Amino acid sequence: MIKLGSNRRKLYKIIVAHVAVLFVAGLGLMHFIPAHAVRINNMYQFTDTNYVVPTNNVAWVSPDGDDASGNGTESTPYKTFKFALSKLSNGGTVVAKSGIYREPHFSIDKTNITLQAAPHAEVWLKGSDVVSGSVWTKEGNLWKTKGRYTNFCHVCTVNSNPAEEGTAAFPEQVFINDKPLKQVASKAEVSAGRFYAEDQTPTTRTFNSNTGKYDYHPGVEDDITYYVGSDPTAGVTEISQRSRAFTAAGAGFNMKGINVAQYAPVQAWGFTDTSGVSQAFVVSKNAVIQDSIFAQSSAIGLHTGEADNLVVKNTKFLDNGANGAGANRTHKATYIGNTFSGSNAAGFKVKKCGAFCTISEIKVTHTKDFTFRNNIIDRSGSGVEESDPNNMIKASPIGFWCDEGCIDAKLVGNFFTNNGTAIFYEVSGPAIIASNIIEGSGTGIRISGSNDVKIYNNTISRTNRPIDLFEDSRESGCNAYAADNVTCTTWESWSKSQGLSWNLTGLEMYNNILSSRAYVPNDGSRFYSFPVRSDGDKNNGAAATKIYTNEMFKGFDYNVYYRSSLANEPTVFTWDLDGGNTIDIQFARIADIKNDTRVRSSIEGRGEHSFDELGSRENNPYFIKEAVHNADYKKSNYTLKAGSPAINSGKPLPSDVALAIDPSGTTVKAGVAVNRGALVNTLMDATGTTPVAPDKAALQAAITAAQNEPLYIRRDEAVARALVKAQEINSSQSATEQDVALATTTLNNAVSAAKKKESDAQAAAETAVAKAEHDKTQTAIDAAKVLVDKVQDQAKKKSFQDRLDAIVIPAPVDKTALRAAITAAQNEPLYIQNDQGVARALAKAREVNNSQSVSEQDVNDATVALNNAITAAQQKETNAQVAAETAVVAAEHNKTQTAVDAAKVLVDKVQDQAKKKALQDRLNAITIVTPPAPAPVTKRQIIQPEGGILTVSVSGSQCSNIAQIALGTISSKHQGSDLREQVAFTVDCAHSASASGYSVQVQLQLSRLYSDTSKLRVVKEYNGTVSDITNKVSFLASADGLRTVVAYQLTDGGFGDSDGIANGEIVDPVGVYLVSASPTPPSTQPGGTSARSSAQNANNKVSGRQLANTGDNVVFYAFGAVALLGGGIVGGYYLMKRRTR
């Protein structure tokens, strides 16, 4: 045994102690590194958290855990949240390790349950399953997989007509490396980045007339086929299979650092199962959700109902198919410090959808005291410039939307960028909308049918409609009215119970800055776009309340209106008065409002202390920096610059507004002068940010994928250059989202191009080697070697080379028969040689004859093909000659131009020129026999709307054919006269021969006799022009004396021809009016109509529209027909009986 001295023993102890410390630290690092090594989600950056882990009533879970053998400790965790929850009592905590959890829906019914991420863990609940590369098969340019995937409903939408929603109604989702593919409606539409789900037994629905609702019939859970246009084996491919992650009902629910994505709920309410309408549902009171992500739901990301005192903070709602979030009857809730972006990724209708319009980043309904504070609603990545009114047709989703009974809502300190409508407060109660910043949007703040709203200290920059005030016809909680517009047919029970008026009254608007409106030329008249626009209405209901601009405002003042110029923006404020006009007054200057007598004097302020300035964005006198372009999102600093006239010049705030903006009371105080514009905001200075903090997950994934490619791909010049640039951007702290996106795309494209280049090289080599194996000639082998040398994959190249080395070149092939066939073809007439099939076969035969690398089979095939082509061409000519001969014989027999023309077509197909000429000579010798012209139609009748028949008769040497007749579209009144009879007819002057400019005699035999023709007026009405021609006509009586006859003359292109053109056609729409005297009742003789018919017509009315008159009494004719038929049968019977005697 070695003994050490005392000093050496001390040194040994020190070394051992240091080694032990280093060992323990190393273990700690080994535990810490995996949490940060590789991101799990390629699309989204999770929030790195470090929550304290409780010491008791806790259960750990891990994707690698085991519910059967685990005990819920950190070292031996369970696998699923559901099982872990079953092991906890009230107040317990589930701690989740990093990874992806794919498990069925679970419920949280116990109280004060917490779901939290383990320290620094990235935790994802996913509604998708990985579909491995082995189950995909190639079909042309597509890949497909068939199996027992979930049968989702395609007819389950808020819209009563799901077809209007297109593929947005389809919940299916496919992801490759977390990037979604776009769903299309048919296999034929599938291309790169798209997919189609083929379900042979889909869910259907039928309307139940008893309940007034639809009954749904779920489809069979059988095989479903997915077709994708991008290579699913190139990354991790996932298909959504579940609709909801969890439902939390127990009070005191807490969720921290847990991310939810890729679930597939339907966008429809009312289902008792978990199939709709969001991927997470919280009905827990006093719940807290923080540091989480809700993304890529096919419908809503997170929805809450009756979750009073809810708090949602520091959470991201990204790229959800419908809404990012929703809340219903969730009183005293707070959303604070959250981010919303990319909602309506599925593309649901957001315009012209009426009551079915529900899409927004977040929508709140039927809720009291809802606070939305310091959130960011960022749609800068949508690809649509929302501030351009020409893009209104694209109709992007709303940012924040309160609807149907929000009461005492507080929207403060939020930042909105590139929203279609940033804030929409609709048919609700009091609210405070204050200190928000809205930039680059279509509409800033829209208030509709809501009372006592306070709009204070908002900053709205580069937005097309900064303030939009609107009153619709609904009132007092009634959503729909009967045809009388008084009786309510659809009540909104919550608003009615709360006594809401649904009228835009009591509005306060102070201290706001409306700066540098995003205008386009004449957008006021084209789009009703103004800095402040108001549009009133008369409400339905018994009260019929009128709400116009004078009724809307309680007061407005101390606002800032900063415009580019009066030439660009001539109107600053519109005013709507009682009446039919949408806009009655357009104020050019704010100062004009106060002294206008049409503006109600009881409105406080009326802009007296407002600033109304003109200038450029570069020289904005208020902000430190206002970005120049409408699409410069998050590049402004809206802090007031030193010396800004907006500093401390605003109206003192009421206590409720001050407290809403700053609950602490330290920054914003009531009762003292304040700045104009936003006072406190989550992003007052955005110059150091980008539209969305660059997410480099996709870039890192592209870099990793490129580094894992074979060396020959990495050495490709474009790939090497793109990889260097991507690594540079990835490590940069100042890279923008556009920089990251460009670097990612460039690298992926370069890798794809290099792989395609290699794929093309291998394909070309494969084709050449296969040809060489087939031809077995040195020429083919040499050509293949050139292409094989271009292959970079060494294993593949060696395989090609081995196959070439194995080829044995055979002896030469006998081509005697082939050459004989070629000679025979060359001796054929030119038209045979020029036949497409012969020419192609001859060219191929010559090619084979000249080739030294063809097989005996090649020579035989070419010979047979050439001989067959010649035979086919000869037969084609024989067929053409037979057809032509038959047609010429027919023409010689029929002697008509039609037969001759038909024969000429077939003769032209004959190739033999001598034969063709003989046939043409025979055709030329035929004398055409012209058939007699058809007889003209000189008399036609038309049934009148009030009964009876009007008869039109014409005569003339050239114009005597009535081509068309119909009832006219003539006015029912003319200068106090009533329309009695009408007709519109056309006379064809060119019926049998070309003629124009001729005249025709017309007689209109009316349906009855008018005793005093002096009270008749004959009027023509055509294309809105009315002409009284009474003085041009003669009134006669019919031969039987029972009807009045109107006689006059028309001339083609002259008098009476309504089109006024001498074109061989006379158009005559005419009506006969009666001044006052009642006419003789319609004749009951043939040609008239009976009193019974008139009564019948008078009764044939449904919903205010008269049924089409059928003319003579059908019942009368039916009885007549039966009588005649009966008489014939009886007569026949007696005749037969006499003959048998």
Foldseek 3Di string as FASTA:
>chain_A
DDDDDPVVVVVVVVVVVVVVVVVVVVVVVVVVCVLPPADPALPDDFDQAADDDDPPQEFEEECPADLVPADRDPVHHHHDPQSSLVPGAALHEYEYAADEHADAAHEAAHAQYEYEYHHSHQAEYEQKDWDALVQWDDDPLKIKHKWQFAQAAQCAALFNGSVVFACLQPQKWKDFSNHTAAEHDDPVPAAASYKYKADPFHKDWDQDPVVRHIDIDHGDRTMIMMMHNHNNNLGTMIIRRAAAHYEYAHANYEYYRYEYEHHGAGHHDDDPDRRDDERYEYAYELYEYESYEQEHYSHERYEYEPHEQYEYAHYEQAQYQFESYEYEQHEQYEYAHYEFENHNNNPGDQPPRPPSRDGENYEYELYEAYEYAQYEYFHLVVPDQAQPVVCCVSPAHEYYYYEYEYEAYEYAQYEYEAGNEDYEYALYEEYEHEQYEYARHAEYYEYELYENYEYAFAEYYQHQADYEYEYDQAFLQADDADPVLAHGDHGPVSSNVVRRTSHQAAYEAWLYEYEAYNADAPCCVVPVTANHFHFWAQHGHPVRDTDWPLRRAQAYEHYEAEYADCNRHQFHYFGDDPDDDRTDDGDSDQVVQQPDPVRDNNHPPSHVHYHYYHHAQCPPLFFPHDDRDSSQPLQGQRHGDPPRPQALSIDFDDQVNQCSHPVVCPQGHGDGRGGRHRRHHSPNRRNQDASDHASLSLLVVLLVSQVPDDPQLCPPPQLVVLSVLSVVLVPDPRRYNVSSVVSSVSNVVSSVVSVVQLVVLLVVLVVLLVVCLQLLDPVSLVVSLVSLVSHDPVVSSVVSVVSSVPRHRDDFEDQVLLVVLLVVLVPDPPQLCPPPQLVVLSVLSVVVVPDRRHDNVSSVVSNVSNVVSSVVSVVQLVVLLVVLVVLLVVCQVQQAPVSLVVSLVSLVSHPPPVSSVVSVVSSVPRHHDDDDADDADFKDWDAFLLAFIKMKGKDDPQWRHWPDKDFDPDDQDDPQWGWDGWMKTKIFSCRRHDDWFAKMKMKIWDQFAFPDCVQKWKWFADPRDIDTCRVQWDWDADPVRTTIMIIHMDTGLDPQQVVNHRGRMRIHIMTMTGNDDDGDPGDVDPRHEDPVLSVVQVPQDDPRRGDGRPHYDPVVVVVVVVVVVVVVVVVVVVVVVVVVD
